[in-house]
Amino acid sequence: HAEIPIEEAQPPVTDADLASVDSILGEYSTHYYPGARGQNIAIAAGKLNGAFIRSTGTFSFNDTVGARTRDAGYQTAGVILDGRPAQDIGGGVCQVSSTLYNAVLLAGLKTTVRTSHAFPSSYCPPGRDATVADGLLDFQFQNQLAHGVYLLASANGTDLTIYVLGTKADLGGKTVQLESDGSRLHPSVYRLYLAGGQVVEKEFLHTDSYST
């Protein structure tokens, strides 16, 4: 009889991958209310929790979270469709992608795909949201740091917190802050790198234009 080769499946994240993780590079929290929308937030956050992005690797929100369907446990809640408030399955998931976006920015990572909402969001500052839609709009970022980064996401019923864990030395002793100028409907967002309390680099990220 033929021998069937047995391949040992490698765990997606190994102890060696995590050995270099020594600090929180970025974290961000947003508030939400219990209910259908809150349940959707918790499901999506659970899918993000434990994601590992290797050095030079790219992360896709839609690929990681998967389709927002009833079979996946998502409920109907408020969304914005074609610039108008509506009800749809998976409403609230954009709060998860937006919270992740802020944590990623504060961790010094490079955003590669990001779209703003039609209107400013209530849960984060104007210019710092990232909308997603199944098969249409994704949020993606690249880990250009020397070591892998690891996501932790927690939704406790009222607050969603996302942490980006990584290797502190990869930021070269710098800390990151975000700054905005312009109006609420036309905000420009910058990322500031500080060393010793002084701004050593100011990076322009984008200018958004929202409807009223």
C-alpha atoms as a PDB file:
ATOM      1  CA  HIS A   1       0.000   0.000   0.000  1.00  0.00           C
ATOM      2  CA  ALA A   2       1.123   3.534  -0.684  1.00  0.00           C
ATOM      3  CA  GLU A   3       2.643   5.523   2.136  1.00  0.00           C
ATOM      4  CA  ILE A   4       0.653   8.660   2.860  1.00  0.00           C
ATOM      5  CA  PRO A   5       3.051  11.453   3.771  1.00  0.00           C
ATOM      6  CA  ILE A   6       2.053  13.191   6.963  1.00  0.00           C
ATOM      7  CA  GLU A   7       2.799  16.879   7.014  1.00  0.00           C
ATOM      8  CA  GLU A   8       2.939  18.559  10.365  1.00  0.00           C
ATOM      9  CA  ALA A   9       0.911  21.754  10.245  1.00  0.00           C
ATOM     10  CA  GLN A  10       2.865  24.731  11.525  1.00  0.00           C
ATOM     11  CA  PRO A  11       0.996  26.809  14.109  1.00  0.00           C
ATOM     12  CA  PRO A  12       0.195  30.217  12.646  1.00  0.00           C
ATOM     13  CA  VAL A  13       2.047  31.966  15.490  1.00  0.00           C
ATOM     14  CA  THR A  14       5.035  30.292  17.132  1.00  0.00           C
ATOM     15  CA  ASP A  15       6.816  31.003  20.410  1.00  0.00           C
ATOM     16  CA  ALA A  16       9.776  32.171  18.338  1.00  0.00           C
ATOM     17  CA  ASP A  17       7.530  34.726  16.593  1.00  0.00           C
ATOM     18  CA  LEU A  18       6.455  36.160  19.929  1.00  0.00           C
ATOM     19  CA  ALA A  19       9.897  36.030  21.568  1.00  0.00           C
ATOM     20  CA  SER A  20      10.735  39.553  20.334  1.00  0.00           C
ATOM     21  CA  VAL A  21       7.422  41.089  21.468  1.00  0.00           C
ATOM     22  CA  ASP A  22       8.223  43.251  24.476  1.00  0.00           C
ATOM     23  CA  SER A  23       5.916  46.258  24.491  1.00  0.00           C
ATOM     24  CA  ILE A  24       2.697  47.914  23.398  1.00  0.00           C
ATOM     25  CA  LEU A  25       3.586  49.930  20.299  1.00  0.00           C
ATOM     26  CA  GLY A  26       0.114  51.418  19.914  1.00  0.00           C
ATOM     27  CA  GLU A  27      -3.286  51.162  21.561  1.00  0.00           C
ATOM     28  CA  TYR A  28      -6.638  52.815  21.029  1.00  0.00           C
ATOM     29  CA  SER A  29     -10.069  52.550  22.654  1.00  0.00           C
ATOM     30  CA  THR A  30     -13.541  53.557  21.494  1.00  0.00           C
ATOM     31  CA  HIS A  31     -16.869  53.424  23.324  1.00  0.00           C
ATOM     32  CA  TYR A  32     -20.013  51.620  22.171  1.00  0.00           C
ATOM     33  CA  TYR A  33     -23.408  50.634  23.533  1.00  0.00           C
ATOM     34  CA  PRO A  34     -24.685  47.083  24.119  1.00  0.00           C
ATOM     35  CA  GLY A  35     -27.140  45.610  21.642  1.00  0.00           C
ATOM     36  CA  ALA A  36     -26.995  44.256  18.099  1.00  0.00           C
ATOM     37  CA  ARG A  37     -24.307  46.724  17.060  1.00  0.00           C
ATOM     38  CA  GLY A  38     -22.260  45.877  20.137  1.00  0.00           C
ATOM     39  CA  GLN A  39     -22.526  42.174  19.377  1.00  0.00           C
ATOM     40  CA  ASN A  40     -21.245  42.793  15.845  1.00  0.00           C
ATOM     41  CA  ILE A  41     -18.311  44.756  17.281  1.00  0.00           C
ATOM     42  CA  ALA A  42     -17.471  41.908  19.665  1.00  0.00           C
ATOM     43  CA  ILE A  43     -17.543  39.280  16.899  1.00  0.00           C
ATOM     44  CA  ALA A  44     -15.246  41.288  14.627  1.00  0.00           C
ATOM     45  CA  ALA A  45     -12.899  42.123  17.501  1.00  0.00           C
ATOM     46  CA  GLY A  46     -12.660  38.421  18.326  1.00  0.00           C
ATOM     47  CA  LYS A  47     -11.506  37.693  14.780  1.00  0.00           C
ATOM     48  CA  LEU A  48      -8.727  40.293  15.067  1.00  0.00           C
ATOM     49  CA  ASN A  49      -7.545  39.073  18.445  1.00  0.00           C
ATOM     50  CA  GLY A  50      -4.309  37.120  18.137  1.00  0.00           C
ATOM     51  CA  ALA A  51      -3.507  38.115  14.544  1.00  0.00           C
ATOM     52  CA  PHE A  52       0.242  38.156  13.870  1.00  0.00           C
ATOM     53  CA  ILE A  53       1.751  40.209  11.046  1.00  0.00           C
ATOM     54  CA  ARG A  54       5.313  39.277  10.174  1.00  0.00           C
ATOM     55  CA  SER A  55       7.936  41.824   9.239  1.00  0.00           C
ATOM     56  CA  THR A  56       7.191  43.133   5.693  1.00  0.00           C
ATOM     57  CA  GLY A  57       3.802  41.343   5.833  1.00  0.00           C
ATOM     58  CA  THR A  58       0.496  43.005   4.935  1.00  0.00           C
ATOM     59  CA  PHE A  59      -2.702  42.722   6.986  1.00  0.00           C
ATOM     60  CA  SER A  60      -6.180  42.773   5.416  1.00  0.00           C
ATOM     61  CA  PHE A  61      -9.139  43.515   7.685  1.00  0.00           C
ATOM     62  CA  ASN A  62     -11.650  41.790   5.405  1.00  0.00           C
ATOM     63  CA  ASP A  63      -9.500  38.673   4.945  1.00  0.00           C
ATOM     64  CA  THR A  64      -8.967  38.402   8.705  1.00  0.00           C
ATOM     65  CA  VAL A  65     -12.490  39.164   9.914  1.00  0.00           C
ATOM     66  CA  GLY A  66     -14.314  37.368   7.099  1.00  0.00           C
ATOM     67  CA  ALA A  67     -17.729  38.071   5.617  1.00  0.00           C
ATOM     68  CA  ARG A  68     -20.251  39.774   7.859  1.00  0.00           C
ATOM     69  CA  THR A  69     -23.188  37.350   7.530  1.00  0.00           C
ATOM     70  CA  ARG A  70     -26.003  36.021   9.681  1.00  0.00           C
ATOM     71  CA  ASP A  71     -24.324  32.598   9.638  1.00  0.00           C
ATOM     72  CA  ALA A  72     -21.274  34.213  11.241  1.00  0.00           C
ATOM     73  CA  GLY A  73     -23.493  35.575  14.027  1.00  0.00           C
ATOM     74  CA  TYR A  74     -23.830  39.167  12.823  1.00  0.00           C
ATOM     75  CA  GLN A  75     -27.057  41.070  13.413  1.00  0.00           C
ATOM     76  CA  THR A  76     -28.760  43.937  11.633  1.00  0.00           C
ATOM     77  CA  ALA A  77     -27.673  47.341  12.936  1.00  0.00           C
ATOM     78  CA  GLY A  78     -27.121  50.899  11.759  1.00  0.00           C
ATOM     79  CA  VAL A  79     -24.733  51.528   8.860  1.00  0.00           C
ATOM     80  CA  ILE A  80     -24.120  54.188   6.234  1.00  0.00           C
ATOM     81  CA  LEU A  81     -24.926  53.004   2.706  1.00  0.00           C
ATOM     82  CA  ASP A  82     -24.305  55.285  -0.280  1.00  0.00           C
ATOM     83  CA  GLY A  83     -23.904  58.214   2.081  1.00  0.00           C
ATOM     84  CA  ARG A  84     -27.186  57.616   3.900  1.00  0.00           C
ATOM     85  CA  PRO A  85     -27.988  56.052   7.289  1.00  0.00           C
ATOM     86  CA  ALA A  86     -29.497  52.586   6.879  1.00  0.00           C
ATOM     87  CA  GLN A  87     -29.820  49.183   8.548  1.00  0.00           C
ATOM     88  CA  ASP A  88     -27.709  46.249   7.402  1.00  0.00           C
ATOM     89  CA  ILE A  89     -26.152  43.036   8.699  1.00  0.00           C
ATOM     90  CA  GLY A  90     -22.855  43.725  10.425  1.00  0.00           C
ATOM     91  CA  GLY A  91     -23.489  47.362  11.338  1.00  0.00           C
ATOM     92  CA  GLY A  92     -20.813  48.555  13.739  1.00  0.00           C
ATOM     93  CA  VAL A  93     -17.905  46.639  12.224  1.00  0.00           C
ATOM     94  CA  CYS A  94     -16.494  49.923  10.854  1.00  0.00           C
ATOM     95  CA  GLN A  95     -15.910  50.972  14.464  1.00  0.00           C
ATOM     96  CA  VAL A  96     -13.572  47.979  14.792  1.00  0.00           C
ATOM     97  CA  SER A  97     -11.633  48.840  11.623  1.00  0.00           C
ATOM     98  CA  SER A  98     -11.449  52.494  12.716  1.00  0.00           C
ATOM     99  CA  THR A  99     -10.206  51.593  16.192  1.00  0.00           C
ATOM    100  CA  LEU A 100      -7.606  49.326  14.600  1.00  0.00           C
ATOM    101  CA  TYR A 101      -6.599  52.134  12.233  1.00  0.00           C
ATOM    102  CA  ASN A 102      -5.799  54.435  15.157  1.00  0.00           C
ATOM    103  CA  ALA A 103      -3.837  51.746  16.996  1.00  0.00           C
ATOM    104  CA  VAL A 104      -1.885  50.988  13.803  1.00  0.00           C
ATOM    105  CA  LEU A 105      -1.064  54.678  13.261  1.00  0.00           C
ATOM    106  CA  LEU A 106       0.138  55.027  16.850  1.00  0.00           C
ATOM    107  CA  ALA A 107       2.293  51.897  16.421  1.00  0.00           C
ATOM    108  CA  GLY A 108       4.152  53.551  13.541  1.00  0.00           C
ATOM    109  CA  LEU A 109       2.891  51.072  10.931  1.00  0.00           C
ATOM    110  CA  LYS A 110       2.233  51.903   7.294  1.00  0.00           C
ATOM    111  CA  THR A 111      -1.388  52.116   6.089  1.00  0.00           C
ATOM    112  CA  THR A 112      -1.776  50.889   2.503  1.00  0.00           C
ATOM    113  CA  VAL A 113      -5.587  50.830   1.966  1.00  0.00           C
ATOM    114  CA  ARG A 114      -7.980  53.101   3.862  1.00  0.00           C
ATOM    115  CA  THR A 115     -11.250  54.891   3.020  1.00  0.00           C
ATOM    116  CA  SER A 116     -13.091  57.471   5.126  1.00  0.00           C
ATOM    117  CA  HIS A 117     -16.822  57.367   5.808  1.00  0.00           C
ATOM    118  CA  ALA A 118     -19.228  59.750   4.094  1.00  0.00           C
ATOM    119  CA  PHE A 119     -19.742  61.523   7.431  1.00  0.00           C
ATOM    120  CA  PRO A 120     -17.491  62.080  10.454  1.00  0.00           C
ATOM    121  CA  SER A 121     -17.836  59.223  12.953  1.00  0.00           C
ATOM    122  CA  SER A 122     -19.056  59.714  16.505  1.00  0.00           C
ATOM    123  CA  TYR A 123     -16.503  57.314  18.026  1.00  0.00           C
ATOM    124  CA  CYS A 124     -13.217  58.763  16.746  1.00  0.00           C
ATOM    125  CA  PRO A 125     -11.880  62.156  15.634  1.00  0.00           C
ATOM    126  CA  PRO A 126     -12.614  63.331  12.075  1.00  0.00           C
ATOM    127  CA  GLY A 127     -10.014  62.015   9.655  1.00  0.00           C
ATOM    128  CA  ARG A 128      -9.218  58.999  11.801  1.00  0.00           C
ATOM    129  CA  ASP A 129     -11.932  56.568  10.686  1.00  0.00           C
ATOM    130  CA  ALA A 130     -11.558  53.644   8.284  1.00  0.00           C
ATOM    131  CA  THR A 131     -14.700  52.239   6.711  1.00  0.00           C
ATOM    132  CA  VAL A 132     -14.979  48.655   5.438  1.00  0.00           C
ATOM    133  CA  ALA A 133     -17.562  46.730   3.401  1.00  0.00           C
ATOM    134  CA  ASP A 134     -17.614  43.081   2.353  1.00  0.00           C
ATOM    135  CA  GLY A 135     -15.949  42.681  -1.015  1.00  0.00           C
ATOM    136  CA  LEU A 136     -15.905  46.451  -1.640  1.00  0.00           C
ATOM    137  CA  LEU A 137     -13.828  48.395   0.879  1.00  0.00           C
ATOM    138  CA  ASP A 138     -10.936  46.994   2.887  1.00  0.00           C
ATOM    139  CA  PHE A 139      -8.546  48.387   5.474  1.00  0.00           C
ATOM    140  CA  GLN A 140      -4.969  47.196   5.025  1.00  0.00           C
ATOM    141  CA  PHE A 141      -1.625  48.010   6.551  1.00  0.00           C
ATOM    142  CA  GLN A 142       1.938  46.808   6.157  1.00  0.00           C
ATOM    143  CA  ASN A 143       4.317  45.951   8.967  1.00  0.00           C
ATOM    144  CA  GLN A 144       7.488  47.642   7.752  1.00  0.00           C
ATOM    145  CA  LEU A 145       9.197  47.150  11.134  1.00  0.00           C
ATOM    146  CA  ALA A 146      12.074  44.723  11.674  1.00  0.00           C
ATOM    147  CA  HIS A 147      10.029  42.308  13.810  1.00  0.00           C
ATOM    148  CA  GLY A 148       6.503  40.919  13.758  1.00  0.00           C
ATOM    149  CA  VAL A 149       3.559  42.632  15.453  1.00  0.00           C
ATOM    150  CA  TYR A 150       0.695  40.989  17.306  1.00  0.00           C
ATOM    151  CA  LEU A 151      -2.872  42.270  17.717  1.00  0.00           C
ATOM    152  CA  LEU A 152      -4.907  42.018  20.893  1.00  0.00           C
ATOM    153  CA  ALA A 153      -8.545  43.130  20.756  1.00  0.00           C
ATOM    154  CA  SER A 154     -10.948  43.340  23.676  1.00  0.00           C
ATOM    155  CA  ALA A 155     -14.655  44.238  23.592  1.00  0.00           C
ATOM    156  CA  ASN A 156     -16.144  44.254  27.095  1.00  0.00           C
ATOM    157  CA  GLY A 157     -19.712  45.364  26.308  1.00  0.00           C
ATOM    158  CA  THR A 158     -19.045  49.107  26.377  1.00  0.00           C
ATOM    159  CA  ASP A 159     -15.431  49.667  25.306  1.00  0.00           C
ATOM    160  CA  LEU A 160     -13.403  48.297  22.426  1.00  0.00           C
ATOM    161  CA  THR A 161      -9.634  48.376  22.904  1.00  0.00           C
ATOM    162  CA  ILE A 162      -7.086  47.244  20.341  1.00  0.00           C
ATOM    163  CA  TYR A 163      -3.394  46.856  21.136  1.00  0.00           C
ATOM    164  CA  VAL A 164      -0.532  46.470  18.673  1.00  0.00           C
ATOM    165  CA  LEU A 165       2.256  44.603  20.453  1.00  0.00           C
ATOM    166  CA  GLY A 166       5.775  44.521  19.054  1.00  0.00           C
ATOM    167  CA  THR A 167       9.446  45.205  19.629  1.00  0.00           C
ATOM    168  CA  LYS A 168      10.071  48.558  21.270  1.00  0.00           C
ATOM    169  CA  ALA A 169      13.520  48.937  19.682  1.00  0.00           C
ATOM    170  CA  ASP A 170      11.923  48.906  16.201  1.00  0.00           C
ATOM    171  CA  LEU A 171      10.671  52.467  16.818  1.00  0.00           C
ATOM    172  CA  GLY A 172      14.212  53.647  17.569  1.00  0.00           C
ATOM    173  CA  GLY A 173      13.331  55.222  20.882  1.00  0.00           C
ATOM    174  CA  LYS A 174      10.619  57.387  19.320  1.00  0.00           C
ATOM    175  CA  THR A 175       7.021  57.740  20.419  1.00  0.00           C
ATOM    176  CA  VAL A 176       4.111  58.521  18.117  1.00  0.00           C
ATOM    177  CA  GLN A 177       1.300  61.075  18.398  1.00  0.00           C
ATOM    178  CA  LEU A 178      -1.464  62.063  15.997  1.00  0.00           C
ATOM    179  CA  GLU A 179      -2.408  65.630  15.160  1.00  0.00           C
ATOM    180  CA  SER A 180      -5.154  67.143  13.020  1.00  0.00           C
ATOM    181  CA  ASP A 181      -5.850  70.553  11.566  1.00  0.00           C
ATOM    182  CA  GLY A 182      -8.489  71.984   9.268  1.00  0.00           C
ATOM    183  CA  SER A 183     -12.243  71.820   9.801  1.00  0.00           C
ATOM    184  CA  ARG A 184     -14.399  68.916  10.945  1.00  0.00           C
ATOM    185  CA  LEU A 185     -15.507  68.262   7.353  1.00  0.00           C
ATOM    186  CA  HIS A 186     -12.038  68.747   5.816  1.00  0.00           C
ATOM    187  CA  PRO A 187      -9.519  67.502   8.379  1.00  0.00           C
ATOM    188  CA  SER A 188      -5.842  66.890   7.613  1.00  0.00           C
ATOM    189  CA  VAL A 189      -4.133  64.273   9.749  1.00  0.00           C
ATOM    190  CA  TYR A 190      -0.436  64.093  10.620  1.00  0.00           C
ATOM    191  CA  ARG A 191       1.690  61.585  12.479  1.00  0.00           C
ATOM    192  CA  LEU A 192       4.332  63.043  14.779  1.00  0.00           C
ATOM    193  CA  TYR A 193       7.418  61.136  15.852  1.00  0.00           C
ATOM    194  CA  LEU A 194       8.891  62.390  19.112  1.00  0.00           C
ATOM    195  CA  ALA A 195      12.264  61.760  20.714  1.00  0.00           C
ATOM    196  CA  GLY A 196      13.034  63.182  24.149  1.00  0.00           C
ATOM    197  CA  GLY A 197       9.745  65.085  24.069  1.00  0.00           C
ATOM    198  CA  GLN A 198      10.681  66.912  20.844  1.00  0.00           C
ATOM    199  CA  VAL A 199       9.058  66.400  17.438  1.00  0.00           C
ATOM    200  CA  VAL A 200      11.741  64.960  15.143  1.00  0.00           C
ATOM    201  CA  GLU A 201       9.483  64.060  12.193  1.00  0.00           C
ATOM    202  CA  LYS A 202       6.027  65.186  11.026  1.00  0.00           C
ATOM    203  CA  GLU A 203       4.390  62.895   8.482  1.00  0.00           C
ATOM    204  CA  PHE A 204       1.345  64.061   6.492  1.00  0.00           C
ATOM    205  CA  LEU A 205      -1.147  61.180   6.258  1.00  0.00           C
ATOM    206  CA  HIS A 206      -4.196  62.487   4.365  1.00  0.00           C
ATOM    207  CA  THR A 207      -6.900  65.114   4.067  1.00  0.00           C
ATOM    208  CA  ASP A 208     -10.498  63.863   4.119  1.00  0.00           C
ATOM    209  CA  SER A 209     -13.657  65.473   2.781  1.00  0.00           C
ATOM    210  CA  TYR A 210     -16.921  64.551   4.483  1.00  0.00           C
ATOM    211  CA  SER A 211     -20.519  65.409   3.669  1.00  0.00           C
ATOM    212  CA  THR A 212     -22.365  67.411   6.303  1.00  0.00           C
END
